[in-house]
Protein backbone atom coordinates (compact mmCIF):
# COMPACT_ATOMS: atom_id res chain seq x y z
CA MET A 1 -0.05 0.05 0.10
CA ASN A 2 1.60 3.49 -0.97
CA ARG A 3 1.50 6.73 0.98
CA THR A 4 -1.35 8.33 -0.82
CA MET A 5 -3.68 5.35 -0.24
CA GLU A 6 -2.70 5.32 3.51
CA VAL A 7 -3.80 8.87 3.82
CA ILE A 8 -7.02 8.46 2.24
CA ILE A 9 -7.90 5.28 4.47
CA LEU A 10 -6.68 6.56 7.72
CA SER A 11 -7.92 10.12 7.31
CA LEU A 12 -11.66 8.66 6.89
CA ALA A 13 -11.49 7.86 10.56
CA TYR A 14 -10.87 11.36 11.85
CA SER A 15 -13.16 13.94 10.42
CA THR A 16 -13.87 17.67 10.60
CA PHE A 17 -16.19 18.88 7.98
CA CYS A 18 -17.79 22.24 6.91
CA VAL A 19 -21.21 22.58 5.26
CA GLY A 20 -22.44 26.18 5.11
CA ARG A 21 -21.20 27.74 8.25
CA LYS A 22 -21.52 24.57 10.45
CA THR A 23 -18.57 22.51 11.64
CA VAL A 24 -19.02 18.82 12.73
CA PHE A 25 -16.31 16.83 14.90
CA ALA A 26 -16.37 12.94 14.82
CA ALA A 27 -15.03 11.33 17.86
CA VAL A 28 -12.26 8.79 16.80
CA PRO A 29 -9.54 6.67 18.58
CA ALA A 30 -6.31 8.59 19.18
CA SER A 31 -4.45 6.04 16.97
CA SER A 32 -6.48 7.02 13.91
CA LEU A 33 -4.65 10.50 14.22
CA GLN A 34 -1.30 9.13 13.09
CA THR A 35 -1.59 9.75 9.44
CA HIS A 36 1.16 10.35 6.75
CA GLU A 37 1.18 13.67 4.97
CA PHE A 38 1.08 13.80 0.99
CA GLU A 39 4.66 14.13 -0.26
CA TRP A 40 5.51 14.85 -3.87
CA ILE A 41 8.31 15.22 -6.40
CA ALA A 42 7.72 17.89 -9.01
CA GLU A 43 9.51 17.00 -12.32
CA GLU A 44 10.61 19.55 -14.94
CA PRO A 45 7.84 21.08 -16.87
CA VAL A 46 6.07 19.03 -19.50
CA LEU A 47 4.39 21.84 -21.55
CA GLN A 48 5.30 25.31 -22.58
CA PRO A 49 3.72 28.07 -24.55
CA ARG A 50 4.46 28.52 -28.35
CA THR A 51 3.40 30.46 -31.24
CA LEU A 52 0.60 28.89 -33.21
CA ASP A 53 -0.86 30.12 -36.37
CA GLY A 54 0.89 33.25 -35.99
CA VAL A 55 -0.31 34.00 -32.66
CA GLN A 56 2.18 34.21 -29.68
CA TRP A 57 0.84 32.54 -26.65
CA ILE A 58 2.56 33.34 -23.19
CA ALA A 59 1.01 30.69 -20.90
CA VAL A 60 -0.40 27.22 -20.89
CA LYS A 61 -2.75 26.55 -17.88
CA ASP A 62 -5.82 24.63 -16.73
CA PRO A 63 -5.11 21.14 -18.03
CA SER A 64 -7.56 18.52 -18.50
CA VAL A 65 -6.41 15.00 -19.63
CA VAL A 66 -7.49 11.54 -20.56
CA ARG A 67 -5.84 8.32 -21.66
CA TYR A 68 -7.41 6.92 -24.63
CA ARG A 69 -6.31 4.16 -27.01
CA ASP A 70 -2.64 4.30 -25.60
CA LYS A 71 -2.41 7.99 -26.01
CA TRP A 72 -2.75 10.98 -23.86
CA HIS A 73 -5.30 13.64 -24.88
CA LEU A 74 -4.77 16.94 -23.26
CA PHE A 75 -6.61 20.09 -23.38
CA CYS A 76 -5.46 23.30 -21.72
CA THR A 77 -5.99 27.02 -21.66
CA VAL A 78 -3.50 29.24 -23.62
CA ARG A 79 -3.21 32.95 -22.92
CA GLY A 80 -2.06 35.76 -24.92
CA ILE A 81 -2.16 39.42 -25.92
CA GLU A 82 -3.47 39.48 -29.23
CA ARG A 83 -6.16 36.87 -28.06
CA SER A 84 -6.64 36.60 -24.35
CA HIS A 85 -8.02 33.09 -24.21
CA ALA A 86 -8.38 29.81 -26.23
CA VAL A 87 -8.09 26.08 -25.68
CA ILE A 88 -5.64 23.92 -27.51
CA TYR A 89 -5.36 20.18 -28.03
CA VAL A 90 -2.10 18.05 -27.67
CA THR A 91 -1.86 14.38 -27.99
CA PHE A 92 1.24 12.12 -27.34
CA ASP A 93 2.13 8.68 -26.33
CA SER A 94 4.20 9.49 -23.11
CA TRP A 95 4.67 12.63 -20.98
CA SER A 96 8.32 12.81 -22.39
CA GLN A 97 6.96 13.70 -25.84
CA ALA A 98 4.63 16.39 -24.64
CA LYS A 99 7.09 19.24 -25.02
CA ASP A 100 7.50 18.60 -28.79
CA ALA A 101 4.12 17.29 -29.79
CA GLY A 102 1.92 19.42 -31.95
CA GLN A 103 -0.38 21.94 -30.53
CA GLN A 104 -3.77 22.94 -32.10
CA VAL A 105 -6.21 25.75 -31.17
CA LEU A 106 -9.68 24.46 -31.08
CA LYS A 107 -12.01 25.99 -33.43
CA CYS A 108 -15.40 25.28 -31.56
CA HIS A 109 -15.41 28.96 -30.33
CA GLN A 110 -13.78 32.02 -31.81
CA GLY A 111 -14.06 34.28 -28.53
CA TYR A 112 -13.21 33.77 -24.92
CA PHE A 113 -13.24 30.27 -23.61
CA CYS A 114 -10.90 28.33 -21.27
CA ALA A 115 -10.55 26.23 -18.30
CA PRO A 116 -11.55 23.07 -20.14
CA GLN A 117 -12.68 19.65 -18.89
CA VAL A 118 -12.93 16.56 -21.16
CA PHE A 119 -14.53 13.36 -20.62
CA TYR A 120 -16.67 10.52 -22.67
CA PHE A 121 -20.37 10.54 -21.90
CA THR A 122 -21.34 7.08 -22.05
CA PRO A 123 -25.13 7.55 -22.64
CA HIS A 124 -24.59 9.85 -25.68
CA LYS A 125 -21.62 7.80 -26.94
CA LYS A 126 -19.89 11.15 -27.29
CA TRP A 127 -16.91 13.27 -25.99
CA TYR A 128 -17.80 16.45 -24.18
CA ILE A 129 -15.50 19.29 -23.44
CA LEU A 130 -16.98 21.77 -20.86
CA CYS A 131 -15.58 25.35 -20.58
CA GLN A 132 -16.11 28.63 -19.16
CA ALA A 133 -16.93 30.88 -22.15
CA SER A 134 -18.58 34.25 -23.43
CA ASP A 135 -20.43 35.10 -26.50
CA GLU A 136 -22.43 38.35 -26.97
CA SER A 137 -25.28 36.37 -28.42
CA TRP A 138 -25.71 34.35 -25.25
CA ASP A 139 -28.09 35.11 -22.50
CA PRO A 140 -26.32 35.07 -20.11
CA GLU A 141 -23.37 36.21 -21.95
CA TYR A 142 -20.88 34.30 -19.76
CA GLY A 143 -21.04 30.98 -18.21
CA PRO A 144 -20.53 27.33 -18.59
CA ALA A 145 -20.80 26.08 -22.32
CA CYS A 146 -19.91 22.65 -23.90
CA SER A 147 -19.09 21.11 -27.20
CA THR A 148 -19.15 17.47 -28.28
CA THR A 149 -17.55 15.09 -30.72
CA VAL A 150 -17.37 11.34 -31.59
CA ASP A 151 -13.78 11.48 -32.21
CA ILE A 152 -11.32 13.08 -29.58
CA THR A 153 -8.41 12.65 -31.88
CA GLU A 154 -9.95 15.05 -34.49
CA PRO A 155 -9.56 18.60 -33.09
CA ASP A 156 -11.53 20.10 -35.73
CA SER A 157 -14.46 17.75 -35.16
CA TRP A 158 -15.71 19.55 -31.99
CA GLY A 159 -18.99 21.36 -32.32
CA LYS A 160 -19.92 24.79 -31.61
CA LEU A 161 -19.92 25.67 -27.87
CA THR A 162 -23.41 25.93 -26.53
CA PRO A 163 -24.39 27.19 -23.18
CA LEU A 164 -25.50 24.86 -20.38
CA PHE A 165 -27.99 27.43 -18.78
CA ASP A 166 -30.90 29.33 -20.54
CA LYS A 167 -30.45 32.05 -17.84
CA LYS A 168 -28.07 32.57 -14.99
CA PRO A 169 -29.06 31.12 -11.56
CA ALA A 170 -30.74 33.91 -9.55
CA ASN A 171 -28.67 33.03 -6.41
CA ILE A 172 -25.38 33.23 -8.13
CA LYS A 173 -23.25 36.23 -8.51
CA GLY A 174 -19.95 35.02 -9.76
CA TRP A 175 -19.03 31.56 -11.14
CA LEU A 176 -16.12 29.94 -12.89
CA ASP A 177 -13.91 26.69 -13.27
CA PHE A 178 -16.91 24.42 -14.06
CA TRP A 179 -16.61 20.61 -13.52
CA ILE A 180 -19.04 17.83 -14.30
CA ILE A 181 -18.97 14.29 -12.71
CA CYS A 182 -21.81 11.73 -12.86
CA ASP A 183 -22.85 8.86 -10.75
CA ARG A 184 -25.25 6.14 -11.68
CA SER A 185 -28.44 8.37 -12.17
CA ARG A 186 -27.39 12.14 -12.23
CA ALA A 187 -24.82 14.48 -13.55
CA HIS A 188 -23.40 17.05 -10.92
CA LEU A 189 -21.93 20.44 -11.94
CA PHE A 190 -19.54 21.95 -9.47
CA PHE A 191 -17.90 25.39 -9.75
CA THR A 192 -16.44 27.97 -7.40
CA SER A 193 -16.89 31.64 -6.83
CA LEU A 194 -13.77 33.09 -5.55
CA ASN A 195 -15.34 33.68 -2.00
CA GLY A 196 -14.59 30.57 -0.08
CA ARG A 197 -17.59 28.67 -1.55
CA MET A 198 -17.81 25.54 -3.83
CA TRP A 199 -21.33 24.98 -5.49
CA ARG A 200 -23.17 22.29 -6.88
CA CYS A 201 -26.33 21.70 -9.10
CA GLU A 202 -27.49 18.51 -10.78
CA THR A 203 -29.56 17.09 -13.68
CA SER A 204 -30.75 13.62 -14.64
CA LEU A 205 -28.71 11.84 -17.13
CA GLU A 206 -31.54 11.80 -19.45
CA LYS A 207 -31.72 15.59 -19.41
CA PHE A 208 -27.79 16.08 -19.55
CA PRO A 209 -26.42 18.56 -20.35
CA HIS A 210 -29.56 20.54 -19.56
CA GLY A 211 -32.11 20.65 -16.71
CA TRP A 212 -29.91 21.87 -13.94
CA SER A 213 -31.32 22.52 -10.55
CA GLN A 214 -30.71 25.71 -8.62
CA PRO A 215 -27.16 25.64 -7.48
CA VAL A 216 -26.54 25.06 -3.57
CA ILE A 217 -23.34 25.57 -1.45
CA ALA A 218 -21.61 22.25 -1.35
CA LEU A 219 -18.54 23.46 0.59
CA GLN A 220 -17.69 26.59 2.41
CA ALA A 221 -14.09 26.93 3.70
CA ASP A 222 -10.87 28.80 3.11
CA VAL A 223 -10.80 27.83 -0.61
CA PHE A 224 -10.68 29.99 -3.89
CA GLU A 225 -11.13 28.36 -7.28
CA ALA A 226 -10.70 25.41 -9.56
CA SER A 227 -12.57 22.52 -7.70
CA HIS A 228 -11.95 19.14 -9.45
CA THR A 229 -13.96 16.05 -8.09
CA TYR A 230 -13.35 12.32 -8.79
CA TYR A 231 -14.62 8.84 -7.80
CA LEU A 232 -11.98 6.87 -5.82
CA LYS A 233 -11.91 3.41 -7.66
CA GLY A 234 -12.74 0.71 -5.20
CA GLN A 235 -13.18 2.84 -2.37
CA ASN A 236 -17.05 4.13 -3.02
CA LYS A 237 -15.62 7.56 -2.02
CA TYR A 238 -15.51 11.08 -3.94
CA LEU A 239 -12.42 13.16 -3.81
CA THR A 240 -12.52 16.83 -4.35
CA LEU A 241 -9.23 18.85 -4.84
CA ILE A 242 -9.64 22.77 -4.65
CA GLU A 243 -7.22 25.65 -4.92
CA ALA A 244 -6.61 27.80 -2.01
CA GLN A 245 -4.43 31.09 -1.71
CA HIS A 246 -1.62 32.35 0.37
CA GLY A 247 -0.31 29.08 2.10
CA HIS A 248 3.06 27.59 1.57
CA GLY A 249 3.03 29.31 -1.96
CA TRP A 250 0.82 31.96 -3.45
CA ARG A 251 -1.39 29.11 -4.68
CA TYR A 252 -1.84 25.65 -3.37
CA TYR A 253 -4.24 22.52 -3.13
CA LYS A 254 -6.58 21.17 -0.47
CA ALA A 255 -8.38 17.93 -0.66
CA TYR A 256 -11.71 16.69 0.63
CA LEU A 257 -13.62 13.53 0.78
CA ALA A 258 -17.47 12.62 0.57
CA ASP A 259 -19.49 9.53 0.51
CA ARG A 260 -21.74 10.90 -2.31
CA LEU A 261 -21.58 13.88 -4.53
CA ASN A 262 -24.46 15.57 -2.70
CA GLY A 263 -23.02 14.67 0.46
CA GLN A 264 -20.91 16.53 3.17
CA TRP A 265 -17.33 17.23 2.40
CA ILE A 266 -14.64 16.09 4.97
CA PRO A 267 -11.36 17.66 5.08
CA LEU A 268 -8.59 15.00 4.16
CA ALA A 269 -5.65 17.59 3.64
CA ALA A 270 -7.22 20.83 4.03
CA GLU A 271 -4.87 22.84 6.31
CA ASN A 272 -2.08 25.55 5.66
CA ASP A 273 0.49 23.02 7.11
CA LYS A 274 -1.22 19.92 5.99
CA SER A 275 -2.45 20.35 2.38
CA PHE A 276 -2.77 18.04 -0.71
CA ALA A 277 0.05 19.89 -2.66
CA SER A 278 2.15 23.07 -1.52
CA MET A 279 5.70 24.32 -1.38
CA LEU A 280 5.82 22.50 2.04
CA ASN A 281 5.40 18.90 0.74
CA VAL A 282 6.74 19.05 -2.82
CA GLU A 283 10.40 18.33 -3.56
CA HIS A 284 11.86 19.69 -6.95
CA GLN A 285 14.10 17.91 -9.37
CA LYS A 286 15.03 21.43 -10.68
CA ARG A 287 13.12 24.31 -9.33
CA TRP A 288 10.78 25.93 -11.89
CA THR A 289 7.71 26.72 -9.72
CA ASP A 290 6.78 28.35 -6.56
CA VAL A 291 3.06 27.52 -6.68
CA ILE A 292 0.91 24.69 -7.19
CA SER A 293 -2.19 25.98 -9.15
CA HIS A 294 -5.16 24.71 -11.37
CA GLY A 295 -4.61 20.99 -11.94
CA GLU A 296 -6.08 17.81 -12.91
CA LEU A 297 -5.40 14.34 -11.54
CA LEU A 298 -4.61 11.71 -14.02
CA ARG A 299 -7.73 9.46 -14.31
CA ALA A 300 -8.00 5.54 -14.21
CA GLY A 301 -10.64 5.92 -17.09
CA TYR A 302 -12.04 8.60 -19.52
CA THR A 303 -15.88 8.39 -18.87
CA GLU A 304 -18.29 10.67 -16.96
CA ARG A 305 -17.63 8.75 -13.60
CA LEU A 306 -14.07 10.47 -13.34
CA GLU A 307 -12.53 7.43 -11.72
CA VAL A 308 -9.03 7.67 -10.29
CA ASP A 309 -6.84 4.95 -8.84
CA PRO A 310 -5.86 5.64 -5.17
CA ASP A 311 -2.82 3.71 -5.46
CA ASN A 312 -1.57 5.52 -8.56
CA ILE A 313 -2.23 9.31 -8.03
CA ARG A 314 -0.55 11.89 -10.27
CA PHE A 315 -1.40 15.37 -10.65
CA VAL A 316 -0.79 17.74 -13.76
CA PHE A 317 -0.79 21.31 -12.67
CA GLN A 318 0.08 24.73 -13.61
CA GLY A 319 3.12 26.50 -12.12
CA VAL A 320 5.58 29.53 -12.30
CA LEU A 321 8.23 31.00 -10.31
CA ASN A 322 7.71 34.07 -8.13
CA ARG A 323 10.33 36.07 -9.92
CA ASP A 324 8.88 35.34 -13.38
CA ARG A 325 5.15 36.65 -12.23
CA ALA A 326 6.57 39.56 -10.03
CA GLY A 327 4.96 42.81 -11.10
CA LYS A 328 2.71 41.23 -13.93
CA LYS A 329 -1.05 41.21 -14.16
CA TYR A 330 -2.58 37.81 -13.92
CA GLY A 331 -3.13 37.50 -17.70
CA LEU A 332 0.39 38.04 -18.37
CA ILE A 333 1.80 35.43 -16.05
CA PRO A 334 4.03 32.89 -18.10
CA TRP A 335 2.29 29.59 -16.68
CA ARG A 336 3.63 26.36 -17.62
CA LEU A 337 2.54 22.78 -16.89
CA GLY A 338 4.23 20.11 -14.82
CA ILE A 339 3.50 16.79 -13.07
CA LEU A 340 3.52 15.91 -9.46
CA LYS A 341 4.47 12.20 -8.65
CA PRO A 342 4.33 10.73 -5.25
CA ALA A 343 7.84 10.84 -3.39
CA PRO A 344 9.16 7.58 -2.34
CA VAL A 345 8.42 6.27 1.14
CA ARG A 346 11.61 6.78 3.25
């Protein structure tokens, strides 16, 4: 059993969880408190921005990736000056090939779209890409939108982005970083609002990708954005990773567990000094980042269930050195992508 698996199993015994403004403590034996912390090794960057079709991109960020037919299929945001946001597609056999692999900007939207999530929706037998996007012809003009294809290997085959909502939910002011995961009967849409809240709404698999309920607060804590939720294969548990600010590093990641997608989220590694991934528990082969920001676990499958293997957890994330972002507006930060791998048990 590896260290990551031990953390997941042992941490289930000791729980402090927050729902809305309420905190609940569960009594447990003292021996259950002796858990291992997550420890990682950050390898050198696997993907960097480049010039595509005459446009110079200055950042690659917000990765979403699946393994399908012996290839990695990576989608991520690119940011630039001439065009502020777009999504690119990159495919390769192994991560050592990612730097040199071809990059192609998706044509499914000509305006602002970013923060992609990709998965295969089994009931429709189609690939879906979910983004935050904007278009003057939409009402609301900005929100979650999706595109589909039957062939993930053909980047030009993605259909036109279409909004998930006919109107913005009345109880929502700000929303971003949309994420979909399905259980056996329903699809659940999670998003954050930059104010310590993670939200959730749902629809039936039959109505997907429309018919969403009014959002409710799923988690309220010292969190910021980019919540990503997965099913822990063989454990019947769900894991949410969510970005926080100003811990050990300007950005870092916390982790929470739940028995069900509409259930209560229990902190697994959600403290400043005991987080999922930060500058406190990440070793560097060669230091290229001072932050752990917007990332995606490498999944055990590619369907809407978003399964991950607790015994083989790796995390693709965006990073940057403090000196390289100093004095820059957020949109000019030169993000690159890297991978966290579990450190060997000593």
